[in-house]
Every structure is written in C-alpha cells, then in structure tokens.
Protein backbone atom coordinates (compact mmCIF):
# COMPACT_ATOMS: atom_id res chain seq x y z
CA UNK A 1 100.32 83.07 75.31
CA UNK A 2 102.53 84.67 77.91
CA UNK A 3 105.73 86.39 76.78
CA UNK A 4 107.41 86.23 80.21
CA UNK A 5 106.25 83.22 82.23
CA UNK A 6 108.65 83.88 85.14
CA UNK A 7 107.25 87.39 85.64
CA UNK A 8 103.76 85.88 85.58
CA UNK A 9 104.87 83.32 88.21
CA UNK A 10 106.24 86.05 90.49
CA UNK A 11 103.20 88.31 89.97
CA UNK A 12 100.78 85.53 90.90
CA UNK A 13 102.70 84.93 94.14
CA UNK A 14 102.85 88.68 94.87
CA UNK A 15 99.11 89.11 94.29
CA UNK A 16 98.22 86.10 96.45
CA UNK A 17 100.36 87.48 99.28
CA UNK A 18 98.69 90.90 99.04
CA UNK A 19 95.21 89.37 99.25
CA UNK A 20 96.19 86.85 101.94
CA UNK A 21 95.54 83.65 99.97
CA UNK A 22 97.17 80.49 101.25
CA UNK A 23 97.39 78.74 97.86
CA UNK A 24 98.28 79.79 94.32
CA UNK A 25 97.76 77.85 91.09
CA UNK A 26 100.40 78.48 88.41
CA UNK A 27 100.83 76.90 84.94
CA UNK A 28 103.61 74.30 84.97
CA UNK A 29 107.06 74.52 83.46
CA UNK A 30 110.35 72.92 84.48
CA UNK A 31 111.90 76.28 85.36
CA UNK A 32 108.93 77.29 87.55
CA UNK A 33 109.05 73.89 89.25
CA UNK A 34 112.76 74.38 90.03
CA UNK A 35 112.11 77.87 91.41
CA UNK A 36 109.25 76.50 93.55
CA UNK A 37 111.62 73.85 94.92
CA UNK A 38 114.14 76.56 95.87
CA UNK A 39 111.39 78.60 97.55
CA UNK A 40 110.41 75.55 99.61
CA UNK A 41 114.02 74.79 100.60
CA UNK A 42 114.55 78.41 101.68
CA UNK A 43 111.31 78.49 103.70
CA UNK A 44 109.39 81.04 101.61
CA UNK A 45 106.59 78.56 100.86
CA UNK A 46 105.45 75.59 102.94
CA UNK A 47 104.89 73.14 100.09
CA UNK A 48 104.14 72.76 96.40
CA UNK A 49 102.41 70.07 94.38
CA UNK A 50 102.31 69.38 90.66
CA UNK A 51 98.86 68.37 89.48
CA UNK A 52 96.84 67.99 86.31
CA UNK A 53 93.45 69.56 85.75
CA UNK A 54 91.63 69.24 82.39
CA UNK A 55 94.85 67.90 80.78
CA UNK A 56 96.75 71.03 81.89
CA UNK A 57 99.67 70.70 84.33
CA UNK A 58 99.71 73.17 87.22
CA UNK A 59 101.90 73.92 90.20
CA UNK A 60 99.93 74.48 93.40
CA UNK A 61 101.95 76.54 95.90
CA UNK A 62 101.08 76.65 99.60
CA UNK A 63 102.27 80.05 100.82
CA UNK A 64 103.88 80.44 104.25
CA UNK A 65 102.85 83.06 106.77
CA UNK A 66 104.51 84.19 110.00
CA UNK A 67 102.66 83.70 113.32
CA UNK A 68 101.51 87.33 113.28
CA UNK A 69 99.88 86.76 109.89
CA UNK A 70 102.35 88.53 107.62
CA UNK A 71 103.65 86.61 104.58
CA UNK A 72 107.13 85.05 104.57
CA UNK A 73 107.74 86.64 101.18
CA UNK A 74 108.12 90.39 101.63
CA UNK A 75 108.97 91.12 98.02
CA UNK A 76 109.84 89.67 94.62
CA UNK A 77 111.70 91.33 91.79
CA UNK A 78 112.44 90.10 88.28
CA UNK A 79 116.02 90.98 87.29
CA UNK A 80 116.73 89.41 83.88
CA UNK A 81 113.91 90.05 81.43
CA UNK A 82 113.32 88.76 77.88
CA UNK A 83 114.29 92.16 76.42
CA UNK A 84 117.34 92.63 78.65
CA UNK A 85 119.15 89.58 79.96
CA UNK A 86 121.40 90.12 82.99
CA UNK A 87 124.36 87.79 83.47
CA UNK A 88 126.95 87.60 86.24
CA UNK A 89 130.34 85.95 86.29
CA UNK A 90 131.40 83.56 89.00
CA UNK A 91 132.00 85.39 92.24
CA UNK A 92 130.13 88.49 91.01
CA UNK A 93 126.54 87.39 91.57
CA UNK A 94 124.79 90.26 93.37
CA UNK A 95 123.47 89.87 96.90
CA UNK A 96 120.47 92.02 97.68
CA UNK A 97 119.11 93.40 100.95
CA UNK A 98 122.17 92.61 103.03
CA UNK A 99 122.00 88.93 102.06
CA UNK A 100 118.60 88.58 103.79
CA UNK A 101 116.93 87.52 100.55
CA UNK A 102 117.95 85.07 97.89
CA UNK A 103 119.00 85.64 94.31
CA UNK A 104 117.93 82.87 91.95
CA UNK A 105 120.44 82.16 89.20
CA UNK A 106 120.26 79.96 86.12
CA UNK A 107 123.65 78.29 85.72
CA UNK A 108 125.11 75.58 83.52
CA UNK A 109 124.34 73.11 86.35
CA UNK A 110 120.71 74.19 86.75
CA UNK A 111 118.75 76.77 88.68
CA UNK A 112 120.13 77.55 92.13
CA UNK A 113 120.46 80.26 94.77
CA UNK A 114 123.32 82.74 94.79
CA UNK A 115 124.84 80.92 97.79
CA UNK A 116 125.00 77.61 95.92
CA UNK A 117 126.42 79.34 92.84
CA UNK A 118 129.13 80.98 94.95
CA UNK A 119 130.06 77.63 96.51
CA UNK A 120 130.26 75.91 93.15
CA UNK A 121 132.05 78.90 91.58
CA UNK A 122 129.46 79.34 88.83
CA UNK A 123 128.02 82.35 87.07
CA UNK A 124 124.91 82.64 85.00
CA UNK A 125 121.70 84.52 84.31
CA UNK A 126 120.28 86.35 87.34
CA UNK A 127 116.59 85.45 87.20
CA UNK A 128 115.03 87.14 90.23
CA UNK A 129 115.41 88.25 93.84
CA UNK A 130 113.11 87.21 96.67
CA UNK A 131 113.24 88.66 100.18
C-alpha cells in the first residue's frame, strides 16, 4: 500500500532517468494515466502504453533522451502532498523556472498544464512541476 502514489510515480521516473533506463513500469491509476498523457504531449516522454501483467494494470513509459544522451526530464518536484494540499486560484497558478517547465494542475475539468488552466481561467490543486 502506497500512501502517495503520485510521489511514487515521479520517483520512479526520476530514478529511471538517473540510471539511464529507456522504459519505466508504473502501477496504473487514472490520474497517473492523465499525467503520462500530458508528459507525452509536452515531449517529456516519447510514448506510454497501458498493459496488464498477472491481472495487474501497469503504465509502461518510454522515456525521451536528447541526442547527446541527457534525459528530456531534468527534474520533477511534488508540490501538493497528502499532508499539505496546495491550491491556486484562477490566474494565480505558479510558473516555475521561467516558464521552461510545466506545472500540472488538477482542476474541475480534469488534469491539465498550467497553460491550459490559464486559458480556461481555472484554478485547482497544484500537483507537481516538471522541467
């Protein structure tokens, strides 16, 4: 039993990047699947697949690397945690690292990047930052 599955998701990606793995297997959840979709759209991962192994659903991420061999994901940080939730109002969602990274936000219309939330004038829980 994992008390913070999103932190586990981010840590597995971080560890795979540090070792240089090209794939990561992560236990499935709808929220993790939505975050993986955002990572693919933003170019941080090349692809992801949802598969079943021994009656357990998993998300298989294919990590992206630059031509010189460095990972596309330079860093990941969990913002809102189970013990301390962080919320932002519309128009106040933080932008980190000079807007080079993305902030993933859980809104009333689903999980989206800070750019999409700004366009739709939504606020919500700030889940994590990826740069």
